[in-house]
PDB file of N, CA and C in Angstrom:
ATOM      1  N   MET A   1      -7.618   3.770  -6.554  1.00  0.00           N
ATOM      2  CA  MET A   1      -7.216   4.878  -5.491  1.00  0.00           C
ATOM      3  C   MET A   1      -7.627   4.065  -4.060  1.00  0.00           C
ATOM      4  N   ALA A   2      -6.723   4.087  -3.114  1.00  0.00           N
ATOM      5  CA  ALA A   2      -7.019   3.414  -1.974  1.00  0.00           C
ATOM      6  C   ALA A   2      -6.251   4.196  -0.840  1.00  0.00           C
ATOM      7  N   THR A   3      -6.716   4.024   0.316  1.00  0.00           N
ATOM      8  CA  THR A   3      -5.999   4.761   1.690  1.00  0.00           C
ATOM      9  C   THR A   3      -5.670   3.557   2.439  1.00  0.00           C
ATOM     10  N   THR A   4      -4.262   3.395   2.676  1.00  0.00           N
ATOM     11  CA  THR A   4      -3.793   2.504   3.728  1.00  0.00           C
ATOM     12  C   THR A   4      -3.253   3.102   4.942  1.00  0.00           C
ATOM     13  N   ASN A   5      -3.441   2.492   5.979  1.00  0.00           N
ATOM     14  CA  ASN A   5      -2.943   2.790   7.313  1.00  0.00           C
ATOM     15  C   ASN A   5      -1.843   1.705   7.723  1.00  0.00           C
ATOM     16  N   THR A   6      -0.830   2.201   8.131  1.00  0.00           N
ATOM     17  CA  THR A   6       0.306   1.321   8.741  1.00  0.00           C
ATOM     18  C   THR A   6       0.865   1.839   9.983  1.00  0.00           C
ATOM     19  N   LYS A   7       1.166   0.885  10.900  1.00  0.00           N
ATOM     20  CA  LYS A   7       1.945   1.308  12.139  1.00  0.00           C
ATOM     21  C   LYS A   7       3.202   0.431  12.334  1.00  0.00           C
ATOM     22  N   VAL A   8       4.317   0.977  12.932  1.00  0.00           N
ATOM     23  CA  VAL A   8       5.405   0.512  13.242  1.00  0.00           C
ATOM     24  C   VAL A   8       5.827   0.954  14.625  1.00  0.00           C
ATOM     25  N   VAL A   9       6.663   0.162  15.413  1.00  0.00           N
ATOM     26  CA  VAL A   9       7.198   0.436  16.634  1.00  0.00           C
ATOM     27  C   VAL A   9       8.591   0.781  16.253  1.00  0.00           C
ATOM     28  N   ARG A  10       9.156   1.852  16.791  1.00  0.00           N
ATOM     29  CA  ARG A  10      10.571   2.107  16.742  1.00  0.00           C
ATOM     30  C   ARG A  10      11.243   2.109  18.017  1.00  0.00           C
ATOM     31  N   LEU A  11      12.071   1.393  18.280  1.00  0.00           N
ATOM     32  CA  LEU A  11      12.832   1.193  19.492  1.00  0.00           C
ATOM     33  C   LEU A  11      14.196   1.707  19.361  1.00  0.00           C
ATOM     34  N   SER A  12      14.650   2.877  20.030  1.00  0.00           N
ATOM     35  CA  SER A  12      15.963   3.581  19.911  1.00  0.00           C
ATOM     36  C   SER A  12      16.726   3.395  21.192  1.00  0.00           C
ATOM     37  N   PHE A  13      18.041   3.020  20.804  1.00  0.00           N
ATOM     38  CA  PHE A  13      18.947   2.829  21.988  1.00  0.00           C
ATOM     39  C   PHE A  13      20.066   3.798  21.949  1.00  0.00           C
ATOM     40  N   ALA A  14      20.795   3.799  22.932  1.00  0.00           N
ATOM     41  CA  ALA A  14      22.131   4.784  23.023  1.00  0.00           C
ATOM     42  C   ALA A  14      23.190   3.788  22.671  1.00  0.00           C
ATOM     43  N   THR A  15      24.299   4.181  22.146  1.00  0.00           N
ATOM     44  CA  THR A  15      25.420   3.441  21.950  1.00  0.00           C
ATOM     45  C   THR A  15      26.636   3.955  22.626  1.00  0.00           C
ATOM     46  N   GLU A  16      27.678   2.923  22.770  1.00  0.00           N
ATOM     47  CA  GLU A  16      28.941   3.421  23.353  1.00  0.00           C
ATOM     48  C   GLU A  16      29.547   4.857  22.747  1.00  0.00           C
ATOM     49  N   GLY A  17      29.304   4.911  21.544  1.00  0.00           N
ATOM     50  CA  GLY A  17      29.743   6.072  20.673  1.00  0.00           C
ATOM     51  C   GLY A  17      29.020   7.442  20.850  1.00  0.00           C
ATOM     52  N   GLY A  18      27.915   7.272  21.512  1.00  0.00           N
ATOM     53  CA  GLY A  18      27.247   8.361  21.831  1.00  0.00           C
ATOM     54  C   GLY A  18      26.063   8.578  20.729  1.00  0.00           C
ATOM     55  N   LYS A  19      25.853   7.745  19.739  1.00  0.00           N
ATOM     56  CA  LYS A  19      24.850   7.689  18.910  1.00  0.00           C
ATOM     57  C   LYS A  19      23.650   6.937  19.265  1.00  0.00           C
ATOM     58  N   THR A  20      22.629   6.931  18.215  1.00  0.00           N
ATOM     59  CA  THR A  20      21.497   6.436  18.437  1.00  0.00           C
ATOM     60  C   THR A  20      21.285   5.349  17.380  1.00  0.00           C
ATOM     61  N   PHE A  21      20.948   3.950  17.741  1.00  0.00           N
ATOM     62  CA  PHE A  21      20.645   2.886  17.078  1.00  0.00           C
ATOM     63  C   PHE A  21      19.246   2.521  17.143  1.00  0.00           C
ATOM     64  N   SER A  22      18.561   2.271  16.056  1.00  0.00           N
ATOM     65  CA  SER A  22      17.058   2.054  16.091  1.00  0.00           C
ATOM     66  C   SER A  22      16.838   0.840  15.400  1.00  0.00           C
ATOM     67  N   ILE A  23      15.689   0.284  15.870  1.00  0.00           N
ATOM     68  CA  ILE A  23      15.010  -1.025  15.538  1.00  0.00           C
ATOM     69  C   ILE A  23      13.565  -0.689  15.199  1.00  0.00           C
ATOM     70  N   THR A  24      13.196  -0.945  13.898  1.00  0.00           N
ATOM     71  CA  THR A  24      11.649  -0.686  13.554  1.00  0.00           C
ATOM     72  C   THR A  24      11.140  -2.182  13.462  1.00  0.00           C
ATOM     73  N   ILE A  25       9.907  -2.406  14.082  1.00  0.00           N
ATOM     74  CA  ILE A  25       9.168  -3.566  14.114  1.00  0.00           C
ATOM     75  C   ILE A  25       7.743  -3.219  13.464  1.00  0.00           C
ATOM     76  N   PRO A  26       7.513  -3.848  12.237  1.00  0.00           N
ATOM     77  CA  PRO A  26       6.156  -3.507  11.624  1.00  0.00           C
ATOM     78  C   PRO A  26       5.010  -4.088  12.457  1.00  0.00           C
ATOM     79  N   THR A  27       3.738  -3.405  12.268  1.00  0.00           N
ATOM     80  CA  THR A  27       2.664  -4.181  12.860  1.00  0.00           C
ATOM     81  C   THR A  27       2.730  -4.503  14.298  1.00  0.00           C
ATOM     82  N   PRO A  28       2.820  -3.388  15.011  1.00  0.00           N
ATOM     83  CA  PRO A  28       2.646  -3.840  16.627  1.00  0.00           C
ATOM     84  C   PRO A  28       1.461  -4.228  16.938  1.00  0.00           C
ATOM     85  N   ARG A  29       1.151  -5.088  18.065  1.00  0.00           N
ATOM     86  CA  ARG A  29       0.058  -5.330  18.643  1.00  0.00           C
ATOM     87  C   ARG A  29      -0.660  -4.102  19.130  1.00  0.00           C
ATOM     88  N   GLU A  30      -2.049  -3.874  19.068  1.00  0.00           N
ATOM     89  CA  GLU A  30      -2.673  -2.921  19.393  1.00  0.00           C
ATOM     90  C   GLU A  30      -2.584  -2.560  20.980  1.00  0.00           C
ATOM     91  N   ASP A  31      -2.548  -3.652  21.827  1.00  0.00           N
ATOM     92  CA  ASP A  31      -2.546  -3.688  23.185  1.00  0.00           C
ATOM     93  C   ASP A  31      -1.112  -3.511  23.822  1.00  0.00           C
ATOM     94  N   LEU A  32      -0.099  -3.105  22.848  1.00  0.00           N
ATOM     95  CA  LEU A  32       1.379  -3.097  23.605  1.00  0.00           C
ATOM     96  C   LEU A  32       1.507  -2.006  24.607  1.00  0.00           C
ATOM     97  N   ASN A  33       2.170  -2.366  25.552  1.00  0.00           N
ATOM     98  CA  ASN A  33       2.394  -1.342  26.671  1.00  0.00           C
ATOM     99  C   ASN A  33       3.729  -1.045  26.972  1.00  0.00           C
ATOM    100  N   GLN A  34       3.995   0.115  27.567  1.00  0.00           N
ATOM    101  CA  GLN A  34       5.280   0.697  28.016  1.00  0.00           C
ATOM    102  C   GLN A  34       6.263  -0.426  28.506  1.00  0.00           C
ATOM    103  N   ALA A  35       5.641  -1.007  29.642  1.00  0.00           N
ATOM    104  CA  ALA A  35       6.280  -2.040  30.477  1.00  0.00           C
ATOM    105  C   ALA A  35       6.788  -3.076  29.759  1.00  0.00           C
ATOM    106  N   GLU A  36       6.028  -3.817  28.712  1.00  0.00           N
ATOM    107  CA  GLU A  36       6.487  -4.877  28.014  1.00  0.00           C
ATOM    108  C   GLU A  36       7.698  -4.400  27.127  1.00  0.00           C
ATOM    109  N   VAL A  37       7.542  -3.288  26.519  1.00  0.00           N
ATOM    110  CA  VAL A  37       8.684  -2.856  25.589  1.00  0.00           C
ATOM    111  C   VAL A  37       9.978  -2.339  26.228  1.00  0.00           C
ATOM    112  N   LEU A  38       9.775  -1.840  27.417  1.00  0.00           N
ATOM    113  CA  LEU A  38      10.889  -1.515  28.168  1.00  0.00           C
ATOM    114  C   LEU A  38      11.572  -2.790  28.726  1.00  0.00           C
ATOM    115  N   ALA A  39      10.895  -3.949  29.005  1.00  0.00           N
ATOM    116  CA  ALA A  39      11.588  -5.113  29.314  1.00  0.00           C
ATOM    117  C   ALA A  39      12.236  -5.762  28.414  1.00  0.00           C
ATOM    118  N   VAL A  40      11.819  -5.717  27.094  1.00  0.00           N
ATOM    119  CA  VAL A  40      12.423  -6.273  25.784  1.00  0.00           C
ATOM    120  C   VAL A  40      13.669  -5.561  25.704  1.00  0.00           C
ATOM    121  N   MET A  41      13.444  -4.220  25.624  1.00  0.00           N
ATOM    122  CA  MET A  41      14.645  -3.441  25.403  1.00  0.00           C
ATOM    123  C   MET A  41      15.876  -3.690  26.306  1.00  0.00           C
ATOM    124  N   ASN A  42      15.421  -3.593  27.789  1.00  0.00           N
ATOM    125  CA  ASN A  42      16.370  -3.979  28.700  1.00  0.00           C
ATOM    126  C   ASN A  42      17.179  -5.313  28.554  1.00  0.00           C
ATOM    127  N   THR A  43      16.576  -6.352  28.064  1.00  0.00           N
ATOM    128  CA  THR A  43      17.015  -7.548  27.617  1.00  0.00           C
ATOM    129  C   THR A  43      17.804  -7.405  26.473  1.00  0.00           C
ATOM    130  N   ILE A  44      17.416  -6.627  25.410  1.00  0.00           N
ATOM    131  CA  ILE A  44      18.427  -6.615  24.216  1.00  0.00           C
ATOM    132  C   ILE A  44      19.762  -5.907  24.756  1.00  0.00           C
ATOM    133  N   VAL A  45      19.599  -4.806  25.598  1.00  0.00           N
ATOM    134  CA  VAL A  45      20.878  -4.184  25.942  1.00  0.00           C
ATOM    135  C   VAL A  45      21.550  -5.099  26.774  1.00  0.00           C
ATOM    136  N   SER A  46      21.098  -5.741  27.709  1.00  0.00           N
ATOM    137  CA  SER A  46      22.004  -6.754  28.658  1.00  0.00           C
ATOM    138  C   SER A  46      22.416  -7.927  28.101  1.00  0.00           C
ATOM    139  N   SER A  47      21.713  -8.333  27.030  1.00  0.00           N
ATOM    140  CA  SER A  47      22.330  -9.439  26.119  1.00  0.00           C
ATOM    141  C   SER A  47      23.437  -9.162  25.251  1.00  0.00           C
ATOM    142  N   ASN A  48      23.566  -7.811  24.911  1.00  0.00           N
ATOM    143  CA  ASN A  48      24.617  -7.487  24.138  1.00  0.00           C
ATOM    144  C   ASN A  48      24.814  -8.275  22.751  1.00  0.00           C
ATOM    145  N   VAL A  49      23.408  -8.245  22.113  1.00  0.00           N
ATOM    146  CA  VAL A  49      23.146  -9.072  20.822  1.00  0.00           C
ATOM    147  C   VAL A  49      23.692  -8.209  19.675  1.00  0.00           C
ATOM    148  N   PHE A  50      23.570  -6.867  19.874  1.00  0.00           N
ATOM    149  CA  PHE A  50      23.826  -6.134  18.511  1.00  0.00           C
ATOM    150  C   PHE A  50      25.281  -5.158  18.927  1.00  0.00           C
ATOM    151  N   LEU A  51      25.890  -5.293  17.876  1.00  0.00           N
ATOM    152  CA  LEU A  51      27.105  -4.273  17.894  1.00  0.00           C
ATOM    153  C   LEU A  51      27.075  -3.445  16.649  1.00  0.00           C
ATOM    154  N   THR A  52      27.010  -2.103  16.925  1.00  0.00           N
ATOM    155  CA  THR A  52      26.779  -1.179  15.896  1.00  0.00           C
ATOM    156  C   THR A  52      28.151  -0.653  15.479  1.00  0.00           C
ATOM    157  N   THR A  53      28.211   0.190  14.481  1.00  0.00           N
ATOM    158  CA  THR A  53      29.367   0.797  14.031  1.00  0.00           C
ATOM    159  C   THR A  53      29.912   1.806  15.064  1.00  0.00           C
ATOM    160  N   SER A  54      29.109   2.242  16.047  1.00  0.00           N
ATOM    161  CA  SER A  54      29.487   3.130  17.208  1.00  0.00           C
ATOM    162  C   SER A  54      29.695   2.528  18.501  1.00  0.00           C
ATOM    163  N   GLY A  55      29.626   1.209  18.291  1.00  0.00           N
ATOM    164  CA  GLY A  55      29.687   0.209  19.694  1.00  0.00           C
ATOM    165  C   GLY A  55      28.562  -0.417  20.143  1.00  0.00           C
ATOM    166  N   ALA A  56      28.689  -1.082  21.218  1.00  0.00           N
ATOM    167  CA  ALA A  56      27.513  -1.738  22.028  1.00  0.00           C
ATOM    168  C   ALA A  56      26.430  -0.790  22.277  1.00  0.00           C
ATOM    169  N   LEU A  57      25.251  -1.313  22.466  1.00  0.00           N
ATOM    170  CA  LEU A  57      24.137  -0.667  22.922  1.00  0.00           C
ATOM    171  C   LEU A  57      24.393  -0.401  24.553  1.00  0.00           C
ATOM    172  N   THR A  58      24.116   0.676  25.073  1.00  0.00           N
ATOM    173  CA  THR A  58      24.302   1.025  26.268  1.00  0.00           C
ATOM    174  C   THR A  58      23.086   1.319  27.192  1.00  0.00           C
ATOM    175  N   GLY A  59      22.079   1.771  26.629  1.00  0.00           N
ATOM    176  CA  GLY A  59      21.006   2.012  27.232  1.00  0.00           C
ATOM    177  C   GLY A  59      19.697   2.335  26.238  1.00  0.00           C
ATOM    178  N   ILE A  60      18.429   2.787  26.930  1.00  0.00           N
ATOM    179  CA  ILE A  60      17.441   2.942  25.953  1.00  0.00           C
ATOM    180  C   ILE A  60      17.257   4.541  25.964  1.00  0.00           C
ATOM    181  N   ARG A  61      16.836   5.138  24.574  1.00  0.00           N
ATOM    182  CA  ARG A  61      16.748   6.380  24.259  1.00  0.00           C
ATOM    183  C   ARG A  61      15.251   6.705  24.083  1.00  0.00           C
ATOM    184  N   ASP A  62      14.235   5.877  23.394  1.00  0.00           N
ATOM    185  CA  ASP A  62      13.237   6.337  23.008  1.00  0.00           C
ATOM    186  C   ASP A  62      12.363   4.954  22.469  1.00  0.00           C
ATOM    187  N   ILE A  63      11.005   5.105  22.648  1.00  0.00           N
ATOM    188  CA  ILE A  63      10.215   4.252  22.101  1.00  0.00           C
ATOM    189  C   ILE A  63       9.053   5.081  21.473  1.00  0.00           C
ATOM    190  N   LYS A  64       8.568   4.751  20.002  1.00  0.00           N
ATOM    191  CA  LYS A  64       7.620   5.481  19.457  1.00  0.00           C
ATOM    192  C   LYS A  64       6.831   4.444  18.669  1.00  0.00           C
ATOM    193  N   VAL A  65       5.413   4.557  18.708  1.00  0.00           N
ATOM    194  CA  VAL A  65       4.599   3.850  17.740  1.00  0.00           C
ATOM    195  C   VAL A  65       4.120   4.986  16.785  1.00  0.00           C
ATOM    196  N   ILE A  66       4.446   4.520  15.287  1.00  0.00           N
ATOM    197  CA  ILE A  66       4.386   5.556  14.507  1.00  0.00           C
ATOM    198  C   ILE A  66       3.321   5.227  13.477  1.00  0.00           C
ATOM    199  N   GLY A  67       2.369   5.812  13.387  1.00  0.00           N
ATOM    200  CA  GLY A  67       1.172   5.497  12.454  1.00  0.00           C
ATOM    201  C   GLY A  67       1.410   6.429  10.994  1.00  0.00           C
ATOM    202  N   THR A  68       1.175   5.714   9.954  1.00  0.00           N
ATOM    203  CA  THR A  68       1.265   6.491   8.687  1.00  0.00           C
ATOM    204  C   THR A  68      -0.029   6.204   7.821  1.00  0.00           C
ATOM    205  N   VAL A  69      -0.711   7.060   7.061  1.00  0.00           N
ATOM    206  CA  VAL A  69      -1.808   7.115   6.434  1.00  0.00           C
ATOM    207  C   VAL A  69      -1.323   7.551   4.966  1.00  0.00           C
ATOM    208  N   THR A  70      -1.456   6.515   4.065  1.00  0.00           N
ATOM    209  CA  THR A  70      -1.013   6.779   2.646  1.00  0.00           C
ATOM    210  C   THR A  70      -2.185   6.790   1.813  1.00  0.00           C
ATOM    211  N   ASP A  71      -2.437   7.910   0.969  1.00  0.00           N
ATOM    212  CA  ASP A  71      -3.505   8.008   0.170  1.00  0.00           C
ATOM    213  C   ASP A  71      -2.988   7.988  -1.233  1.00  0.00           C
ATOM    214  N   ASP A  72      -3.306   6.799  -1.930  1.00  0.00           N
ATOM    215  CA  ASP A  72      -2.741   6.570  -3.240  1.00  0.00           C
ATOM    216  C   ASP A  72      -3.861   7.256  -4.256  1.00  0.00           C
ATOM    217  N   LEU A  73      -3.428   8.484  -4.914  1.00  0.00           N
ATOM    218  CA  LEU A  73      -4.175   9.186  -5.732  1.00  0.00           C
ATOM    219  C   LEU A  73      -4.236   8.815  -7.169  1.00  0.00           C
ATOM    220  N   PHE A  74      -3.330   7.779  -7.590  1.00  0.00           N
ATOM    221  CA  PHE A  74      -3.303   7.296  -8.951  1.00  0.00           C
ATOM    222  C   PHE A  74      -2.919   5.882  -9.014  1.00  0.00           C
ATOM    223  N   ASP A  75      -3.736   5.303  -9.655  1.00  0.00           N
ATOM    224  CA  ASP A  75      -3.574   3.885 -10.118  1.00  0.00           C
ATOM    225  C   ASP A  75      -3.241   3.722 -11.594  1.00  0.00           C
ATOM    226  N   PRO A  76      -2.107   3.280 -11.728  1.00  0.00           N
ATOM    227  CA  PRO A  76      -1.756   3.256 -13.137  1.00  0.00           C
ATOM    228  C   PRO A  76      -2.347   2.239 -14.006  1.00  0.00           C
ATOM    229  N   PRO A  77      -2.715   2.620 -15.308  1.00  0.00           N
ATOM    230  CA  PRO A  77      -3.517   1.514 -16.247  1.00  0.00           C
ATOM    231  C   PRO A  77      -2.829   0.207 -16.175  1.00  0.00           C
ATOM    232  N   GLN A  78      -3.636  -0.828 -16.134  1.00  0.00           N
ATOM    233  CA  GLN A  78      -3.072  -2.157 -16.388  1.00  0.00           C
ATOM    234  C   GLN A  78      -2.847  -2.468 -17.897  1.00  0.00           C
ATOM    235  N   ALA A  79      -1.685  -3.073 -18.102  1.00  0.00           N
ATOM    236  CA  ALA A  79      -1.349  -3.325 -19.509  1.00  0.00           C
ATOM    237  C   ALA A  79      -2.050  -4.536 -19.980  1.00  0.00           C
TER     238      ALA A  79
END
């Protein structure tokens, strides 16, 4: 039985079709700051490197660092 802590950063973008497109990146740096992430997201939008089912990315919607704690309450017996 173990407890694990994980973090991801989720970058959310607006699309031409009015939908949201998200990219999730595992294990972000602890010292990650808003200015760095905004610069990267603006580069992604202006480079037009992603084409989604609802069109190209048109802007930034949201940035979240999401932490998850998982408590494993059962370890199956080893065969």
